């Protein structure tokens, strides 16, 4: 257990803290910080995945890092 607190109490406290943070942002005119990362699932032909994995490895990146960079450039 967490020092006598239940998961329900911890969840309630977490939501209260987030609500307090958002209210403070509204009151002070600040933008709230949101995660800038999302999950994207793609279905690729095996050969495309293999070529992408080789390119990522050649650049010393994970395939996720490489794909994010390529998509970012293509979207600009």
PDB file of N, CA and C in Angstrom:
ATOM      1  N   UNK A   1       0.842  -1.190   0.000  1.00  0.00           N
ATOM      2  CA  UNK A   1       0.000   0.000   0.000  1.00  0.00           C
ATOM      3  C   UNK A   1       0.875   1.237   0.000  1.00  0.00           C
ATOM      4  N   UNK A   2       0.335   2.347  -0.336  1.00  0.00           N
ATOM      5  CA  UNK A   2       1.055   3.611  -0.430  1.00  0.00           C
ATOM      6  C   UNK A   2       0.816   4.451   0.817  1.00  0.00           C
ATOM      7  N   UNK A   3       1.473   4.119   1.900  1.00  0.00           N
ATOM      8  CA  UNK A   3       1.355   4.890   3.144  1.00  0.00           C
ATOM      9  C   UNK A   3      -0.100   5.109   3.547  1.00  0.00           C
ATOM     10  N   UNK A   4      -0.879   4.087   3.435  1.00  0.00           N
ATOM     11  CA  UNK A   4      -2.260   4.156   3.889  1.00  0.00           C
ATOM     12  C   UNK A   4      -3.247   4.692   2.861  1.00  0.00           C
ATOM     13  N   UNK A   5      -2.748   5.210   1.729  1.00  0.00           N
ATOM     14  CA  UNK A   5      -3.658   5.735   0.715  1.00  0.00           C
ATOM     15  C   UNK A   5      -4.039   4.624  -0.251  1.00  0.00           C
ATOM     16  N   UNK A   6      -5.271   4.628  -0.657  1.00  0.00           N
ATOM     17  CA  UNK A   6      -5.725   3.642  -1.624  1.00  0.00           C
ATOM     18  C   UNK A   6      -5.510   4.191  -3.031  1.00  0.00           C
ATOM     19  N   UNK A   7      -5.576   3.312  -3.999  1.00  0.00           N
ATOM     20  CA  UNK A   7      -5.446   3.737  -5.391  1.00  0.00           C
ATOM     21  C   UNK A   7      -6.544   4.740  -5.735  1.00  0.00           C
ATOM     22  N   UNK A   8      -7.733   4.523  -5.207  1.00  0.00           N
ATOM     23  CA  UNK A   8      -8.835   5.446  -5.455  1.00  0.00           C
ATOM     24  C   UNK A   8      -8.510   6.841  -4.924  1.00  0.00           C
ATOM     25  N   UNK A   9      -7.956   6.913  -3.722  1.00  0.00           N
ATOM     26  CA  UNK A   9      -7.587   8.211  -3.151  1.00  0.00           C
ATOM     27  C   UNK A   9      -6.474   8.871  -3.958  1.00  0.00           C
ATOM     28  N   UNK A  10      -5.496   8.083  -4.377  1.00  0.00           N
ATOM     29  CA  UNK A  10      -4.407   8.625  -5.181  1.00  0.00           C
ATOM     30  C   UNK A  10      -4.912   9.144  -6.518  1.00  0.00           C
ATOM     31  N   UNK A  11      -5.817   8.408  -7.143  1.00  0.00           N
ATOM     32  CA  UNK A  11      -6.395   8.837  -8.417  1.00  0.00           C
ATOM     33  C   UNK A  11      -7.172  10.136  -8.243  1.00  0.00           C
ATOM     34  N   UNK A  12      -7.960  10.210  -7.156  1.00  0.00           N
ATOM     35  CA  UNK A  12      -8.726  11.420  -6.868  1.00  0.00           C
ATOM     36  C   UNK A  12      -7.788  12.611  -6.659  1.00  0.00           C
ATOM     37  N   UNK A  13      -6.718  12.408  -5.898  1.00  0.00           N
ATOM     38  CA  UNK A  13      -5.741  13.475  -5.656  1.00  0.00           C
ATOM     39  C   UNK A  13      -5.043  13.901  -6.949  1.00  0.00           C
ATOM     40  N   UNK A  14      -4.740  12.934  -7.793  1.00  0.00           N
ATOM     41  CA  UNK A  14      -4.106  13.250  -9.082  1.00  0.00           C
ATOM     42  C   UNK A  14      -5.017  14.135  -9.919  1.00  0.00           C
ATOM     43  N   UNK A  15      -6.284  13.749 -10.031  1.00  0.00           N
ATOM     44  CA  UNK A  15      -7.240  14.545 -10.812  1.00  0.00           C
ATOM     45  C   UNK A  15      -7.414  15.937 -10.216  1.00  0.00           C
ATOM     46  N   UNK A  16      -7.431  16.028  -8.915  1.00  0.00           N
ATOM     47  CA  UNK A  16      -7.545  17.337  -8.258  1.00  0.00           C
ATOM     48  C   UNK A  16      -6.327  18.199  -8.581  1.00  0.00           C
ATOM     49  N   UNK A  17      -5.140  17.603  -8.585  1.00  0.00           N
ATOM     50  CA  UNK A  17      -3.918  18.354  -8.897  1.00  0.00           C
ATOM     51  C   UNK A  17      -3.933  18.841 -10.340  1.00  0.00           C
ATOM     52  N   UNK A  18      -4.362  17.997 -11.270  1.00  0.00           N
ATOM     53  CA  UNK A  18      -4.440  18.404 -12.678  1.00  0.00           C
ATOM     54  C   UNK A  18      -5.461  19.516 -12.844  1.00  0.00           C
ATOM     55  N   UNK A  19      -6.610  19.380 -12.210  1.00  0.00           N
ATOM     56  CA  UNK A  19      -7.635  20.431 -12.299  1.00  0.00           C
ATOM     57  C   UNK A  19      -7.131  21.746 -11.713  1.00  0.00           C
ATOM     58  N   UNK A  20      -6.396  21.678 -10.614  1.00  0.00           N
ATOM     59  CA  UNK A  20      -5.812  22.880 -10.011  1.00  0.00           C
ATOM     60  C   UNK A  20      -4.823  23.532 -10.973  1.00  0.00           C
ATOM     61  N   UNK A  21      -3.977  22.725 -11.581  1.00  0.00           N
ATOM     62  CA  UNK A  21      -2.996  23.225 -12.542  1.00  0.00           C
ATOM     63  C   UNK A  21      -3.686  23.911 -13.721  1.00  0.00           C
ATOM     64  N   UNK A  22      -4.720  23.277 -14.286  1.00  0.00           N
ATOM     65  CA  UNK A  22      -5.426  23.865 -15.421  1.00  0.00           C
ATOM     66  C   UNK A  22      -6.142  25.156 -15.033  1.00  0.00           C
ATOM     67  N   UNK A  23      -6.739  25.185 -13.845  1.00  0.00           N
ATOM     68  CA  UNK A  23      -7.401  26.410 -13.368  1.00  0.00           C
ATOM     69  C   UNK A  23      -6.385  27.523 -13.172  1.00  0.00           C
ATOM     70  N   UNK A  24      -5.218  27.193 -12.628  1.00  0.00           N
ATOM     71  CA  UNK A  24      -4.162  28.188 -12.440  1.00  0.00           C
ATOM     72  C   UNK A  24      -3.691  28.732 -13.786  1.00  0.00           C
ATOM     73  N   UNK A  25      -3.552  27.861 -14.774  1.00  0.00           N
ATOM     74  CA  UNK A  25      -3.150  28.308 -16.110  1.00  0.00           C
ATOM     75  C   UNK A  25      -4.176  29.275 -16.691  1.00  0.00           C
ATOM     76  N   UNK A  26      -5.456  28.945 -16.537  1.00  0.00           N
ATOM     77  CA  UNK A  26      -6.505  29.839 -17.038  1.00  0.00           C
ATOM     78  C   UNK A  26      -6.464  31.172 -16.309  1.00  0.00           C
ATOM     79  N   UNK A  27      -6.281  31.137 -14.994  1.00  0.00           N
ATOM     80  CA  UNK A  27      -6.297  32.362 -14.183  1.00  0.00           C
ATOM     81  C   UNK A  27      -5.117  33.272 -14.496  1.00  0.00           C
ATOM     82  N   UNK A  28      -3.991  32.682 -14.844  1.00  0.00           N
ATOM     83  CA  UNK A  28      -2.786  33.479 -15.093  1.00  0.00           C
ATOM     84  C   UNK A  28      -2.513  33.701 -16.576  1.00  0.00           C
ATOM     85  N   UNK A  29      -3.361  33.141 -17.431  1.00  0.00           N
ATOM     86  CA  UNK A  29      -3.194  33.332 -18.875  1.00  0.00           C
ATOM     87  C   UNK A  29      -2.069  32.508 -19.485  1.00  0.00           C
ATOM     88  N   UNK A  30      -1.601  31.500 -18.755  1.00  0.00           N
ATOM     89  CA  UNK A  30      -0.537  30.636 -19.288  1.00  0.00           C
ATOM     90  C   UNK A  30      -1.136  29.474 -20.053  1.00  0.00           C
ATOM     91  N   UNK A  31      -0.385  28.974 -21.021  1.00  0.00           N
ATOM     92  CA  UNK A  31      -0.806  27.770 -21.734  1.00  0.00           C
ATOM     93  C   UNK A  31      -0.428  26.556 -20.905  1.00  0.00           C
ATOM     94  N   UNK A  32      -1.310  25.584 -20.869  1.00  0.00           N
ATOM     95  CA  UNK A  32      -0.984  24.354 -20.164  1.00  0.00           C
ATOM     96  C   UNK A  32      -0.073  23.517 -21.060  1.00  0.00           C
ATOM     97  N   UNK A  33       0.782  22.741 -20.442  1.00  0.00           N
ATOM     98  CA  UNK A  33       1.695  21.877 -21.187  1.00  0.00           C
ATOM     99  C   UNK A  33       1.020  20.541 -21.424  1.00  0.00           C
ATOM    100  N   UNK A  34       1.020  20.140 -22.659  1.00  0.00           N
ATOM    101  CA  UNK A  34       0.439  18.854 -23.013  1.00  0.00           C
ATOM    102  C   UNK A  34       1.520  18.015 -23.678  1.00  0.00           C
ATOM    103  N   UNK A  35       1.375  16.735 -23.574  1.00  0.00           N
ATOM    104  CA  UNK A  35       2.316  15.833 -24.221  1.00  0.00           C
ATOM    105  C   UNK A  35       2.323  16.093 -25.717  1.00  0.00           C
ATOM    106  N   UNK A  36       3.516  16.142 -26.278  1.00  0.00           N
ATOM    107  CA  UNK A  36       3.634  16.369 -27.711  1.00  0.00           C
ATOM    108  C   UNK A  36       3.905  15.078 -28.456  1.00  0.00           C
ATOM    109  N   UNK A  37       3.727  13.989 -27.776  1.00  0.00           N
ATOM    110  CA  UNK A  37       4.008  12.701 -28.381  1.00  0.00           C
ATOM    111  C   UNK A  37       2.707  11.897 -28.478  1.00  0.00           C
ATOM    112  N   UNK A  38       2.518  11.285 -29.627  1.00  0.00           N
ATOM    113  CA  UNK A  38       1.369  10.399 -29.820  1.00  0.00           C
ATOM    114  C   UNK A  38       1.860   9.112 -30.449  1.00  0.00           C
ATOM    115  N   UNK A  39       1.084   8.094 -30.293  1.00  0.00           N
ATOM    116  CA  UNK A  39       1.432   6.816 -30.912  1.00  0.00           C
ATOM    117  C   UNK A  39       0.762   6.748 -32.276  1.00  0.00           C
ATOM    118  N   UNK A  40       1.498   6.254 -33.246  1.00  0.00           N
ATOM    119  CA  UNK A  40       0.988   6.104 -34.601  1.00  0.00           C
ATOM    120  C   UNK A  40       1.297   4.695 -35.056  1.00  0.00           C
ATOM    121  N   UNK A  41       0.277   3.970 -35.424  1.00  0.00           N
ATOM    122  CA  UNK A  41       0.476   2.605 -35.884  1.00  0.00           C
ATOM    123  C   UNK A  41       0.282   2.573 -37.389  1.00  0.00           C
ATOM    124  N   UNK A  42       1.264   2.042 -38.093  1.00  0.00           N
ATOM    125  CA  UNK A  42       1.202   1.965 -39.549  1.00  0.00           C
ATOM    126  C   UNK A  42       1.309   0.519 -40.006  1.00  0.00           C
ATOM    127  N   UNK A  43       0.645   0.227 -41.081  1.00  0.00           N
ATOM    128  CA  UNK A  43       0.806  -1.072 -41.735  1.00  0.00           C
ATOM    129  C   UNK A  43       1.654  -0.826 -42.977  1.00  0.00           C
ATOM    130  N   UNK A  44       2.843  -1.425 -42.992  1.00  0.00           N
ATOM    131  CA  UNK A  44       3.775  -1.222 -44.095  1.00  0.00           C
ATOM    132  C   UNK A  44       4.095  -2.546 -44.761  1.00  0.00           C
ATOM    133  N   UNK A  45       4.375  -2.495 -46.056  1.00  0.00           N
ATOM    134  CA  UNK A  45       4.895  -3.712 -46.690  1.00  0.00           C
ATOM    135  C   UNK A  45       6.235  -4.073 -46.039  1.00  0.00           C
ATOM    136  N   UNK A  46       6.526  -5.357 -45.954  1.00  0.00           N
ATOM    137  CA  UNK A  46       7.750  -5.818 -45.289  1.00  0.00           C
ATOM    138  C   UNK A  46       9.004  -5.159 -45.863  1.00  0.00           C
ATOM    139  N   UNK A  47       9.051  -5.004 -47.178  1.00  0.00           N
ATOM    140  CA  UNK A  47      10.253  -4.432 -47.784  1.00  0.00           C
ATOM    141  C   UNK A  47      10.429  -2.952 -47.418  1.00  0.00           C
ATOM    142  N   UNK A  48       9.347  -2.227 -47.267  1.00  0.00           N
ATOM    143  CA  UNK A  48       9.439  -0.820 -46.843  1.00  0.00           C
ATOM    144  C   UNK A  48       9.969  -0.758 -45.412  1.00  0.00           C
ATOM    145  N   UNK A  49       9.436  -1.596 -44.542  1.00  0.00           N
ATOM    146  CA  UNK A  49       9.904  -1.642 -43.161  1.00  0.00           C
ATOM    147  C   UNK A  49      11.388  -2.001 -43.104  1.00  0.00           C
ATOM    148  N   UNK A  50      11.797  -2.984 -43.907  1.00  0.00           N
ATOM    149  CA  UNK A  50      13.198  -3.406 -43.910  1.00  0.00           C
ATOM    150  C   UNK A  50      14.110  -2.272 -44.363  1.00  0.00           C
ATOM    151  N   UNK A  51      13.722  -1.558 -45.428  1.00  0.00           N
ATOM    152  CA  UNK A  51      14.542  -0.439 -45.915  1.00  0.00           C
ATOM    153  C   UNK A  51      14.594   0.684 -44.886  1.00  0.00           C
ATOM    154  N   UNK A  52      13.463   0.975 -44.252  1.00  0.00           N
ATOM    155  CA  UNK A  52      13.420   2.025 -43.226  1.00  0.00           C
ATOM    156  C   UNK A  52      14.307   1.650 -42.042  1.00  0.00           C
ATOM    157  N   UNK A  53      14.253   0.395 -41.641  1.00  0.00           N
ATOM    158  CA  UNK A  53      15.084  -0.061 -40.513  1.00  0.00           C
ATOM    159  C   UNK A  53      16.565   0.071 -40.850  1.00  0.00           C
ATOM    160  N   UNK A  54      16.954  -0.259 -42.076  1.00  0.00           N
ATOM    161  CA  UNK A  54      18.353  -0.124 -42.500  1.00  0.00           C
ATOM    162  C   UNK A  54      18.790   1.341 -42.504  1.00  0.00           C
ATOM    163  N   UNK A  55      17.937   2.223 -43.016  1.00  0.00           N
ATOM    164  CA  UNK A  55      18.270   3.653 -43.036  1.00  0.00           C
ATOM    165  C   UNK A  55      18.406   4.196 -41.626  1.00  0.00           C
ATOM    166  N   UNK A  56      17.487   3.821 -40.756  1.00  0.00           N
ATOM    167  CA  UNK A  56      17.543   4.274 -39.364  1.00  0.00           C
ATOM    168  C   UNK A  56      18.837   3.803 -38.716  1.00  0.00           C
ATOM    169  N   UNK A  57      19.175   2.541 -38.910  1.00  0.00           N
ATOM    170  CA  UNK A  57      20.394   1.988 -38.319  1.00  0.00           C
ATOM    171  C   UNK A  57      21.628   2.698 -38.870  1.00  0.00           C
ATOM    172  N   UNK A  58      21.634   2.976 -40.171  1.00  0.00           N
ATOM    173  CA  UNK A  58      22.769   3.662 -40.790  1.00  0.00           C
ATOM    174  C   UNK A  58      22.957   5.068 -40.225  1.00  0.00           C
ATOM    175  N   UNK A  59      21.872   5.680 -39.790  1.00  0.00           N
ATOM    176  CA  UNK A  59      21.929   7.027 -39.212  1.00  0.00           C
ATOM    177  C   UNK A  59      22.060   6.997 -37.696  1.00  0.00           C
ATOM    178  N   UNK A  60      22.193   5.791 -37.135  1.00  0.00           N
ATOM    179  CA  UNK A  60      22.366   5.662 -35.686  1.00  0.00           C
ATOM    180  C   UNK A  60      21.123   6.012 -34.893  1.00  0.00           C
ATOM    181  N   UNK A  61      19.965   5.781 -35.493  1.00  0.00           N
ATOM    182  CA  UNK A  61      18.697   6.127 -34.845  1.00  0.00           C
ATOM    183  C   UNK A  61      17.821   4.891 -34.726  1.00  0.00           C
ATOM    184  N   UNK A  62      16.868   4.977 -33.800  1.00  0.00           N
ATOM    185  CA  UNK A  62      15.842   3.932 -33.760  1.00  0.00           C
ATOM    186  C   UNK A  62      14.910   4.187 -34.939  1.00  0.00           C
ATOM    187  N   UNK A  63      14.163   3.181 -35.317  1.00  0.00           N
ATOM    188  CA  UNK A  63      13.224   3.371 -36.422  1.00  0.00           C
ATOM    189  C   UNK A  63      12.166   4.419 -36.055  1.00  0.00           C
ATOM    190  N   UNK A  64      11.790   4.500 -34.776  1.00  0.00           N
ATOM    191  CA  UNK A  64      10.832   5.516 -34.341  1.00  0.00           C
ATOM    192  C   UNK A  64      11.411   6.916 -34.513  1.00  0.00           C
ATOM    193  N   UNK A  65      12.658   7.098 -34.085  1.00  0.00           N
ATOM    194  CA  UNK A  65      13.304   8.416 -34.236  1.00  0.00           C
ATOM    195  C   UNK A  65      13.428   8.793 -35.708  1.00  0.00           C
ATOM    196  N   UNK A  66      13.864   7.827 -36.519  1.00  0.00           N
ATOM    197  CA  UNK A  66      14.048   8.078 -37.941  1.00  0.00           C
ATOM    198  C   UNK A  66      12.709   8.418 -38.615  1.00  0.00           C
ATOM    199  N   UNK A  67      11.677   7.630 -38.326  1.00  0.00           N
ATOM    200  CA  UNK A  67      10.367   7.865 -38.924  1.00  0.00           C
ATOM    201  C   UNK A  67       9.795   9.217 -38.499  1.00  0.00           C
ATOM    202  N   UNK A  68       9.972   9.585 -37.240  1.00  0.00           N
ATOM    203  CA  UNK A  68       9.468  10.877 -36.766  1.00  0.00           C
ATOM    204  C   UNK A  68      10.158  12.015 -37.509  1.00  0.00           C
ATOM    205  N   UNK A  69      11.458  11.874 -37.734  1.00  0.00           N
ATOM    206  CA  UNK A  69      12.206  12.913 -38.458  1.00  0.00           C
ATOM    207  C   UNK A  69      11.741  13.009 -39.910  1.00  0.00           C
ATOM    208  N   UNK A  70      11.589  11.859 -40.573  1.00  0.00           N
ATOM    209  CA  UNK A  70      11.146  11.835 -41.959  1.00  0.00           C
ATOM    210  C   UNK A  70       9.743  12.410 -42.107  1.00  0.00           C
ATOM    211  N   UNK A  71       8.839  12.019 -41.215  1.00  0.00           N
ATOM    212  CA  UNK A  71       7.473  12.550 -41.262  1.00  0.00           C
ATOM    213  C   UNK A  71       7.439  14.052 -40.986  1.00  0.00           C
ATOM    214  N   UNK A  72       8.265  14.493 -40.059  1.00  0.00           N
ATOM    215  CA  UNK A  72       8.337  15.916 -39.743  1.00  0.00           C
ATOM    216  C   UNK A  72       8.793  16.711 -40.959  1.00  0.00           C
ATOM    217  N   UNK A  73       9.817  16.223 -41.643  1.00  0.00           N
ATOM    218  CA  UNK A  73      10.314  16.896 -42.845  1.00  0.00           C
ATOM    219  C   UNK A  73       9.270  16.894 -43.950  1.00  0.00           C
ATOM    220  N   UNK A  74       8.586  15.777 -44.124  1.00  0.00           N
ATOM    221  CA  UNK A  74       7.573  15.679 -45.182  1.00  0.00           C
ATOM    222  C   UNK A  74       6.375  16.578 -44.890  1.00  0.00           C
ATOM    223  N   UNK A  75       6.055  16.763 -43.620  1.00  0.00           N
ATOM    224  CA  UNK A  75       4.891  17.565 -43.256  1.00  0.00           C
ATOM    225  C   UNK A  75       5.173  19.069 -43.294  1.00  0.00           C
ATOM    226  N   UNK A  76       6.446  19.439 -43.300  1.00  0.00           N
ATOM    227  CA  UNK A  76       6.815  20.875 -43.283  1.00  0.00           C
ATOM    228  C   UNK A  76       6.568  21.539 -44.618  1.00  0.00           C
TER     229      UNK A  76
END
